[in-house]
């Protein structure tokens, strides 16, 4: 059975972020991930994580100015200095939290992958980030987002991400495989897992189509969990979903996956 990481940006949201580490541990999670920890001091979050005894599986680099619709800046031309500053910021947090990985968001790009200048900026910035984080033992990932949830995002399919990873050519850069996005864009999730497992660094899950608990919607997650084991996936599975009611009320799937009473 895979190891699960609670996404503290989407789960336990009735609590302030620092309190969610303990809530995740109390619920039985052995790891956590946080999309945007930057409103809190790294020392405060690190203290809470350590007290809770959970592993920090992942953080995101800053998405940029969310109020302006930015969803990452690594593929935005002319923002190279801002991107390098975001790498430094994320590295400070990742080191404080002991994070295993860091996710670099591409951004919304006019023209998509046909925008050669944006792709060049993306490749160069990813190479920079992969190198910086490699020096501290932290892997870097990129994630395709579905066009319904993230219109205009640079990459939306696993093959597009793999082509970028191959072009960057850095051993520290891998794929973040989010089943929610994969199912909406491509389907055939089991075969996509088989195909892309060699470059996968992190997996995330949610119910499809509503992004609620993994035991809702059209995906057979118990089957996929078994397949992950069969394929030798040793990383964490991030639970990046929005509870239909409260986090605790929706954890029946998690207890069943761990062989506990629902």
Protein backbone atom coordinates (compact mmCIF):
# COMPACT_ATOMS: atom_id res chain seq x y z
CA UNK A 1 0.00 0.00 0.00
CA UNK A 2 1.36 3.46 -0.87
CA UNK A 3 2.35 5.99 1.78
CA UNK A 4 -0.02 8.95 1.98
CA UNK A 5 0.70 12.65 2.49
CA UNK A 6 -2.08 14.99 3.59
CA UNK A 7 -2.21 18.15 1.52
CA UNK A 8 -2.45 20.82 4.21
CA UNK A 9 -3.60 23.46 1.73
CA UNK A 10 -6.81 21.54 0.98
CA UNK A 11 -7.33 19.37 4.09
CA UNK A 12 -8.03 20.37 7.70
CA UNK A 13 -8.81 23.89 6.50
CA UNK A 14 -10.98 24.61 9.54
CA UNK A 15 -7.64 25.05 11.35
CA UNK A 16 -4.83 27.58 10.82
CA UNK A 17 -2.05 26.11 8.70
CA UNK A 18 0.41 25.59 11.59
CA UNK A 19 -2.18 23.50 13.45
CA UNK A 20 -2.83 21.23 10.46
CA UNK A 21 0.44 19.32 10.92
CA UNK A 22 -0.77 17.87 14.21
CA UNK A 23 -4.25 17.25 12.80
CA UNK A 24 -2.78 15.24 9.93
CA UNK A 25 -0.64 13.19 12.31
CA UNK A 26 -3.61 12.55 14.62
CA UNK A 27 -5.61 11.31 11.62
CA UNK A 28 -2.88 8.79 10.81
CA UNK A 29 -0.97 10.49 8.01
CA UNK A 30 2.79 9.99 8.10
CA UNK A 31 3.55 12.85 5.71
CA UNK A 32 2.21 16.20 4.51
CA UNK A 33 2.54 18.54 1.57
CA UNK A 34 1.84 22.28 1.42
CA UNK A 35 1.18 24.24 -1.75
CA UNK A 36 1.92 27.73 -0.49
CA UNK A 37 3.48 28.02 2.99
CA UNK A 38 4.82 31.53 2.55
CA UNK A 39 2.37 33.41 4.78
CA UNK A 40 4.01 31.80 7.82
CA UNK A 41 7.58 31.93 9.06
CA UNK A 42 9.57 28.83 8.07
CA UNK A 43 10.76 28.37 11.67
CA UNK A 44 7.18 28.25 12.95
CA UNK A 45 6.10 25.65 10.40
CA UNK A 46 9.24 23.60 10.93
CA UNK A 47 8.60 23.50 14.68
CA UNK A 48 5.02 22.32 14.12
CA UNK A 49 6.07 19.69 11.61
CA UNK A 50 8.73 18.33 13.91
CA UNK A 51 6.35 18.23 16.87
CA UNK A 52 3.80 16.34 14.78
CA UNK A 53 6.41 13.83 13.65
CA UNK A 54 5.37 13.90 9.99
CA UNK A 55 7.55 13.98 6.88
CA UNK A 56 7.35 17.00 4.60
CA UNK A 57 6.90 15.38 1.20
CA UNK A 58 6.51 18.49 -0.96
CA UNK A 59 6.16 22.24 -1.14
CA UNK A 60 5.39 24.43 -4.14
CA UNK A 61 7.40 27.40 -5.25
CA UNK A 62 5.38 30.60 -5.05
CA UNK A 63 2.82 30.79 -7.88
CA UNK A 64 3.48 34.49 -8.34
CA UNK A 65 0.68 37.06 -8.07
CA UNK A 66 -2.44 34.94 -7.67
CA UNK A 67 -4.62 38.07 -7.62
CA UNK A 68 -3.52 38.68 -11.22
CA UNK A 69 -4.22 35.09 -12.20
CA UNK A 70 -0.63 33.90 -12.15
CA UNK A 71 -0.17 30.16 -11.68
CA UNK A 72 3.60 30.04 -11.68
CA UNK A 73 6.21 32.24 -13.32
CA UNK A 74 8.90 29.85 -14.54
CA UNK A 75 7.68 30.06 -18.16
CA UNK A 76 7.02 33.80 -18.15
CA UNK A 77 9.59 35.72 -20.18
CA UNK A 78 11.13 38.69 -18.45
CA UNK A 79 10.48 37.22 -15.00
CA UNK A 80 13.77 35.38 -14.60
CA UNK A 81 14.90 37.50 -11.64
CA UNK A 82 11.56 36.95 -9.90
CA UNK A 83 11.85 33.24 -10.53
CA UNK A 84 15.34 33.03 -9.03
CA UNK A 85 14.05 34.90 -5.97
CA UNK A 86 11.24 32.34 -5.65
CA UNK A 87 13.80 29.53 -5.80
CA UNK A 88 15.73 31.11 -2.93
CA UNK A 89 12.53 31.57 -0.93
CA UNK A 90 11.37 27.99 -1.52
CA UNK A 91 14.79 26.60 -0.69
CA UNK A 92 14.71 28.36 2.69
CA UNK A 93 11.33 26.79 3.48
CA UNK A 94 12.24 23.38 2.06
CA UNK A 95 15.38 23.22 4.16
CA UNK A 96 13.60 24.34 7.31
CA UNK A 97 10.84 21.78 6.80
CA UNK A 98 13.10 19.01 5.55
CA UNK A 99 11.03 18.77 2.38
CA UNK A 100 11.81 15.92 0.03
CA UNK A 101 10.68 17.81 -3.05
CA UNK A 102 9.70 21.13 -4.59
CA UNK A 103 7.13 21.66 -7.34
CA UNK A 104 7.82 24.37 -9.95
CA UNK A 105 4.69 25.77 -11.58
CA UNK A 106 4.99 26.85 -15.22
CA UNK A 107 2.34 29.53 -15.54
CA UNK A 108 -0.34 30.67 -17.96
CA UNK A 109 1.28 31.34 -21.32
CA UNK A 110 -0.17 32.97 -24.44
CA UNK A 111 0.24 30.53 -27.30
CA UNK A 112 1.06 27.60 -25.05
CA UNK A 113 3.88 25.34 -26.17
CA UNK A 114 3.95 27.10 -29.55
CA UNK A 115 5.39 30.11 -27.71
CA UNK A 116 9.06 29.32 -28.27
CA UNK A 117 10.35 32.11 -26.05
CA UNK A 118 8.24 30.92 -23.12
CA UNK A 119 9.42 27.35 -23.57
CA UNK A 120 13.04 28.48 -23.66
CA UNK A 121 12.54 30.46 -20.45
CA UNK A 122 10.85 27.45 -18.85
CA UNK A 123 13.65 25.08 -19.77
CA UNK A 124 16.35 27.47 -18.55
CA UNK A 125 14.55 28.18 -15.27
CA UNK A 126 13.90 24.50 -14.61
CA UNK A 127 17.57 23.70 -15.19
CA UNK A 128 18.49 26.43 -12.72
CA UNK A 129 16.03 25.21 -10.08
CA UNK A 130 16.93 21.54 -10.52
CA UNK A 131 20.60 22.36 -10.04
CA UNK A 132 20.07 24.56 -6.97
CA UNK A 133 17.82 22.08 -5.20
CA UNK A 134 20.03 19.13 -6.16
CA UNK A 135 22.81 20.71 -4.13
CA UNK A 136 20.60 20.28 -1.06
CA UNK A 137 19.22 16.82 -1.80
CA UNK A 138 15.75 18.07 -2.80
CA UNK A 139 14.11 16.84 -5.98
CA UNK A 140 12.13 19.10 -8.34
CA UNK A 141 8.91 18.26 -10.17
CA UNK A 142 6.63 19.70 -12.84
CA UNK A 143 2.93 18.91 -13.15
CA UNK A 144 0.54 19.13 -16.11
CA UNK A 145 -2.79 20.75 -15.15
CA UNK A 146 -6.05 20.04 -16.93
CA UNK A 147 -7.45 22.75 -19.18
CA UNK A 148 -10.76 22.91 -17.33
CA UNK A 149 -9.17 23.71 -13.96
CA UNK A 150 -6.28 25.78 -15.33
CA UNK A 151 -7.07 27.34 -18.74
CA UNK A 152 -3.96 28.45 -20.58
CA UNK A 153 -1.51 26.60 -18.34
CA UNK A 154 1.59 25.74 -20.35
CA UNK A 155 1.48 21.94 -19.98
CA UNK A 156 -1.64 19.80 -19.69
CA UNK A 157 -0.54 16.29 -20.71
CA UNK A 158 2.05 13.89 -19.29
CA UNK A 159 3.87 13.56 -22.61
CA UNK A 160 4.33 17.32 -22.78
CA UNK A 161 5.90 17.32 -19.33
CA UNK A 162 8.17 14.40 -20.19
CA UNK A 163 9.38 16.19 -23.33
CA UNK A 164 10.30 19.21 -21.20
CA UNK A 165 12.04 17.00 -18.63
CA UNK A 166 14.05 15.34 -21.39
CA UNK A 167 14.94 18.70 -22.90
CA UNK A 168 16.17 20.04 -19.55
CA UNK A 169 18.17 16.84 -19.12
CA UNK A 170 18.76 17.19 -15.38
CA UNK A 171 18.62 14.06 -13.23
CA UNK A 172 17.02 16.03 -10.41
CA UNK A 173 13.89 16.95 -12.41
CA UNK A 174 10.88 14.63 -12.60
CA UNK A 175 7.14 14.39 -13.17
CA UNK A 176 4.37 15.13 -10.69
CA UNK A 177 1.58 12.76 -11.74
CA UNK A 178 -1.79 14.00 -10.51
CA UNK A 179 -4.48 11.40 -11.21
CA UNK A 180 -7.20 14.07 -11.14
CA UNK A 181 -5.63 15.96 -14.03
CA UNK A 182 -4.58 12.83 -15.91
CA UNK A 183 -8.08 11.36 -15.90
CA UNK A 184 -9.68 14.56 -17.17
CA UNK A 185 -7.14 15.13 -19.95
CA UNK A 186 -6.13 11.62 -20.99
CA UNK A 187 -7.97 8.85 -19.16
CA UNK A 188 -6.51 5.33 -19.20
CA UNK A 189 -4.77 6.18 -15.92
CA UNK A 190 -3.34 2.72 -15.31
CA UNK A 191 -1.52 2.71 -18.63
CA UNK A 192 -0.35 6.27 -18.08
CA UNK A 193 1.12 5.18 -14.74
CA UNK A 194 2.93 2.30 -16.45
CA UNK A 195 4.19 4.54 -19.23
CA UNK A 196 5.45 7.42 -17.13
CA UNK A 197 6.58 5.68 -13.94
CA UNK A 198 10.27 5.98 -14.92
CA UNK A 199 10.06 9.79 -14.64
CA UNK A 200 7.48 10.12 -11.82
CA UNK A 201 8.75 11.77 -8.63
CA UNK A 202 5.42 12.38 -6.89
CA UNK A 203 1.79 11.25 -7.24
CA UNK A 204 -1.35 13.10 -6.17
CA UNK A 205 -4.95 11.91 -5.96
CA UNK A 206 -8.53 13.20 -5.79
CA UNK A 207 -11.96 12.09 -6.86
CA UNK A 208 -13.01 12.86 -10.44
CA UNK A 209 -14.84 14.96 -11.55
CA UNK A 210 -15.55 16.93 -8.35
CA UNK A 211 -12.13 16.77 -6.68
CA UNK A 212 -13.60 15.42 -3.46
CA UNK A 213 -12.47 12.31 -1.57
CA UNK A 214 -10.79 9.56 -3.62
CA UNK A 215 -13.66 7.14 -2.95
CA UNK A 216 -16.09 9.40 -4.83
CA UNK A 217 -16.44 9.65 -8.58
CA UNK A 218 -15.18 7.54 -11.44
CA UNK A 219 -11.70 6.39 -10.38
CA UNK A 220 -11.03 2.94 -8.86
CA UNK A 221 -8.31 4.00 -6.46
CA UNK A 222 -7.86 0.67 -4.65
CA UNK A 223 -6.86 -0.80 -8.00
CA UNK A 224 -4.47 2.08 -8.69
CA UNK A 225 -2.91 1.78 -5.23
CA UNK A 226 -2.17 -1.87 -5.95
CA UNK A 227 -0.72 -0.94 -9.32
CA UNK A 228 1.56 1.65 -7.72
CA UNK A 229 2.92 -1.09 -5.47
CA UNK A 230 3.29 -3.43 -8.44
CA UNK A 231 5.24 -0.79 -10.35
CA UNK A 232 7.56 -0.21 -7.39
CA UNK A 233 6.51 3.36 -6.60
CA UNK A 234 8.24 4.22 -3.32
CA UNK A 235 7.30 7.89 -2.94
CA UNK A 236 4.37 9.49 -1.16
CA UNK A 237 0.88 9.87 -2.59
CA UNK A 238 -0.34 13.39 -1.95
CA UNK A 239 -4.01 13.74 -1.03
CA UNK A 240 -4.84 16.98 -2.82
CA UNK A 241 -8.62 16.99 -2.69
CA UNK A 242 -11.37 19.20 -1.27
CA UNK A 243 -13.46 17.37 1.33
CA UNK A 244 -17.16 17.20 0.56
CA UNK A 245 -17.92 18.12 4.18
CA UNK A 246 -15.12 17.99 6.76
CA UNK A 247 -11.75 16.32 6.37
CA UNK A 248 -12.32 13.93 9.26
CA UNK A 249 -15.78 12.88 8.04
CA UNK A 250 -14.35 11.94 4.66
CA UNK A 251 -11.41 9.80 5.78
CA UNK A 252 -13.18 6.46 5.45
CA UNK A 253 -11.26 5.79 2.24
CA UNK A 254 -7.97 6.40 4.07
CA UNK A 255 -8.76 4.08 6.95
CA UNK A 256 -9.84 1.37 4.52
CA UNK A 257 -6.65 1.79 2.52
CA UNK A 258 -4.62 1.30 5.70
CA UNK A 259 -6.68 -1.76 6.66
CA UNK A 260 -8.47 -0.01 9.51
CA UNK A 261 -12.19 0.15 10.17
CA UNK A 262 -13.99 2.76 8.12
